[in-house]
């Protein structure tokens, strides 16, 4: 009683089903957001600590608040205005911290 043919068919069909359901990490939108959030905050923290800014804790917090929102991407003008306001806020904070 040989069952080699029957077991091979079932193993092959299982392998085929596994290959058809295989997804990559970047196929899922949730996974992309998680990776983008983690890498974005880590890079912002590395930049802030690398430059040894006096207010180095603010950049990762601001990055986390920007990357954590589910709003659509801002337009170019909105992004530029946002960067200008952040630079102005950093400048005021630096000015008040050095006085």
C-alpha atoms as a PDB file:
ATOM      1  CA  UNK A   1       0.000   0.000   0.000  1.00  0.00           C
ATOM      2  CA  UNK A   2       1.934   2.965  -1.241  1.00  0.00           C
ATOM      3  CA  UNK A   3       0.604   6.447  -0.550  1.00  0.00           C
ATOM      4  CA  UNK A   4       3.466   8.387  -2.117  1.00  0.00           C
ATOM      5  CA  UNK A   5       1.307   9.790  -4.922  1.00  0.00           C
ATOM      6  CA  UNK A   6      -1.480  10.915  -2.590  1.00  0.00           C
ATOM      7  CA  UNK A   7       0.852  12.572  -0.100  1.00  0.00           C
ATOM      8  CA  UNK A   8       2.789  14.308  -2.870  1.00  0.00           C
ATOM      9  CA  UNK A   9      -0.376  15.796  -4.327  1.00  0.00           C
ATOM     10  CA  UNK A  10      -1.504  17.140  -0.962  1.00  0.00           C
ATOM     11  CA  UNK A  11       1.938  18.596  -0.177  1.00  0.00           C
ATOM     12  CA  UNK A  12       2.093  20.188  -3.616  1.00  0.00           C
ATOM     13  CA  UNK A  13      -1.360  21.697  -3.239  1.00  0.00           C
ATOM     14  CA  UNK A  14      -0.466  23.057   0.195  1.00  0.00           C
ATOM     15  CA  UNK A  15       2.743  24.576  -1.147  1.00  0.00           C
ATOM     16  CA  UNK A  16       0.855  26.141  -4.058  1.00  0.00           C
ATOM     17  CA  UNK A  17      -1.720  27.634  -1.691  1.00  0.00           C
ATOM     18  CA  UNK A  18       1.020  29.051   0.533  1.00  0.00           C
ATOM     19  CA  UNK A  19       2.752  30.651  -2.453  1.00  0.00           C
ATOM     20  CA  UNK A  20      -0.473  32.231  -3.666  1.00  0.00           C
ATOM     21  CA  UNK A  21      -1.208  33.781  -0.242  1.00  0.00           C
ATOM     22  CA  UNK A  22       2.310  35.046   0.365  1.00  0.00           C
ATOM     23  CA  UNK A  23       2.411  38.824   0.736  1.00  0.00           C
ATOM     24  CA  UNK A  24       5.320  41.139   1.225  1.00  0.00           C
ATOM     25  CA  UNK A  25       5.534  43.566   4.122  1.00  0.00           C
ATOM     26  CA  UNK A  26       5.052  46.569   1.849  1.00  0.00           C
ATOM     27  CA  UNK A  27       1.854  45.181   0.329  1.00  0.00           C
ATOM     28  CA  UNK A  28      -0.037  45.992   3.522  1.00  0.00           C
ATOM     29  CA  UNK A  29      -0.711  49.709   4.132  1.00  0.00           C
ATOM     30  CA  UNK A  30      -0.630  49.260   7.905  1.00  0.00           C
ATOM     31  CA  UNK A  31       2.839  47.700   7.778  1.00  0.00           C
ATOM     32  CA  UNK A  32       4.119  50.519   5.586  1.00  0.00           C
ATOM     33  CA  UNK A  33       2.823  53.110   8.062  1.00  0.00           C
ATOM     34  CA  UNK A  34       4.419  51.281  10.996  1.00  0.00           C
ATOM     35  CA  UNK A  35       7.810  51.035   9.271  1.00  0.00           C
ATOM     36  CA  UNK A  36       7.640  54.658   8.105  1.00  0.00           C
ATOM     37  CA  UNK A  37       6.770  55.829  11.640  1.00  0.00           C
ATOM     38  CA  UNK A  38       9.533  53.808  13.288  1.00  0.00           C
ATOM     39  CA  UNK A  39      12.240  54.748  10.805  1.00  0.00           C
ATOM     40  CA  UNK A  40      11.150  58.394  10.691  1.00  0.00           C
ATOM     41  CA  UNK A  41      11.288  58.860  14.446  1.00  0.00           C
ATOM     42  CA  UNK A  42      14.586  56.945  14.717  1.00  0.00           C
ATOM     43  CA  UNK A  43      16.222  59.048  11.984  1.00  0.00           C
ATOM     44  CA  UNK A  44      14.891  62.272  13.522  1.00  0.00           C
ATOM     45  CA  UNK A  45      16.288  61.259  16.906  1.00  0.00           C
ATOM     46  CA  UNK A  46      19.656  60.383  15.379  1.00  0.00           C
ATOM     47  CA  UNK A  47      19.824  63.745  13.607  1.00  0.00           C
ATOM     48  CA  UNK A  48      18.819  65.685  16.725  1.00  0.00           C
ATOM     49  CA  UNK A  49      21.296  63.903  18.982  1.00  0.00           C
ATOM     50  CA  UNK A  50      24.004  63.924  16.294  1.00  0.00           C
ATOM     51  CA  UNK A  51      23.927  67.711  16.018  1.00  0.00           C
ATOM     52  CA  UNK A  52      23.664  67.985  19.828  1.00  0.00           C
ATOM     53  CA  UNK A  53      20.940  70.606  19.677  1.00  0.00           C
ATOM     54  CA  UNK A  54      19.938  72.170  23.004  1.00  0.00           C
ATOM     55  CA  UNK A  55      16.288  71.238  22.356  1.00  0.00           C
ATOM     56  CA  UNK A  56      17.023  67.827  20.864  1.00  0.00           C
ATOM     57  CA  UNK A  57      14.006  66.140  22.400  1.00  0.00           C
ATOM     58  CA  UNK A  58      11.594  68.220  20.322  1.00  0.00           C
ATOM     59  CA  UNK A  59      12.458  66.896  16.856  1.00  0.00           C
ATOM     60  CA  UNK A  60      11.443  63.251  17.523  1.00  0.00           C
ATOM     61  CA  UNK A  61       8.240  64.448  19.222  1.00  0.00           C
ATOM     62  CA  UNK A  62       7.305  66.675  16.283  1.00  0.00           C
ATOM     63  CA  UNK A  63       8.217  63.939  13.825  1.00  0.00           C
ATOM     64  CA  UNK A  64       6.050  61.451  15.701  1.00  0.00           C
ATOM     65  CA  UNK A  65       3.117  63.861  15.693  1.00  0.00           C
ATOM     66  CA  UNK A  66       3.461  64.472  11.952  1.00  0.00           C
ATOM     67  CA  UNK A  67       3.979  60.831  10.955  1.00  0.00           C
ATOM     68  CA  UNK A  68       1.348  59.514  13.354  1.00  0.00           C
ATOM     69  CA  UNK A  69      -1.565  61.443  11.888  1.00  0.00           C
ATOM     70  CA  UNK A  70      -3.810  59.786   9.323  1.00  0.00           C
ATOM     71  CA  UNK A  71      -4.422  62.987   7.390  1.00  0.00           C
ATOM     72  CA  UNK A  72      -3.466  63.137   3.725  1.00  0.00           C
ATOM     73  CA  UNK A  73      -0.109  64.533   2.692  1.00  0.00           C
ATOM     74  CA  UNK A  74       0.011  68.346   2.721  1.00  0.00           C
ATOM     75  CA  UNK A  75       0.418  70.359  -0.440  1.00  0.00           C
ATOM     76  CA  UNK A  76       3.787  71.896  -1.220  1.00  0.00           C
ATOM     77  CA  UNK A  77       2.709  75.303   0.076  1.00  0.00           C
ATOM     78  CA  UNK A  78       1.285  73.835   3.301  1.00  0.00           C
ATOM     79  CA  UNK A  79       4.472  71.828   3.847  1.00  0.00           C
ATOM     80  CA  UNK A  80       6.652  74.898   3.300  1.00  0.00           C
ATOM     81  CA  UNK A  81       4.535  76.965   5.726  1.00  0.00           C
ATOM     82  CA  UNK A  82       4.730  74.150   8.261  1.00  0.00           C
ATOM     83  CA  UNK A  83       8.531  74.033   8.013  1.00  0.00           C
ATOM     84  CA  UNK A  84       8.737  77.816   8.408  1.00  0.00           C
ATOM     85  CA  UNK A  85       6.551  77.736  11.523  1.00  0.00           C
ATOM     86  CA  UNK A  86       8.624  74.937  13.039  1.00  0.00           C
ATOM     87  CA  UNK A  87      11.862  76.825  12.351  1.00  0.00           C
ATOM     88  CA  UNK A  88      10.354  79.981  13.898  1.00  0.00           C
ATOM     89  CA  UNK A  89       9.247  78.007  16.962  1.00  0.00           C
ATOM     90  CA  UNK A  90      12.709  76.436  17.305  1.00  0.00           C
ATOM     91  CA  UNK A  91      14.288  79.871  16.992  1.00  0.00           C
ATOM     92  CA  UNK A  92      12.050  81.354  19.679  1.00  0.00           C
ATOM     93  CA  UNK A  93      12.661  78.397  21.957  1.00  0.00           C
ATOM     94  CA  UNK A  94      16.402  78.655  21.456  1.00  0.00           C
ATOM     95  CA  UNK A  95      16.324  82.406  22.059  1.00  0.00           C
ATOM     96  CA  UNK A  96      14.372  82.016  25.324  1.00  0.00           C
ATOM     97  CA  UNK A  97      16.531  79.114  26.499  1.00  0.00           C
ATOM     98  CA  UNK A  98      19.760  81.103  26.026  1.00  0.00           C
ATOM     99  CA  UNK A  99      18.517  84.252  27.775  1.00  0.00           C
END
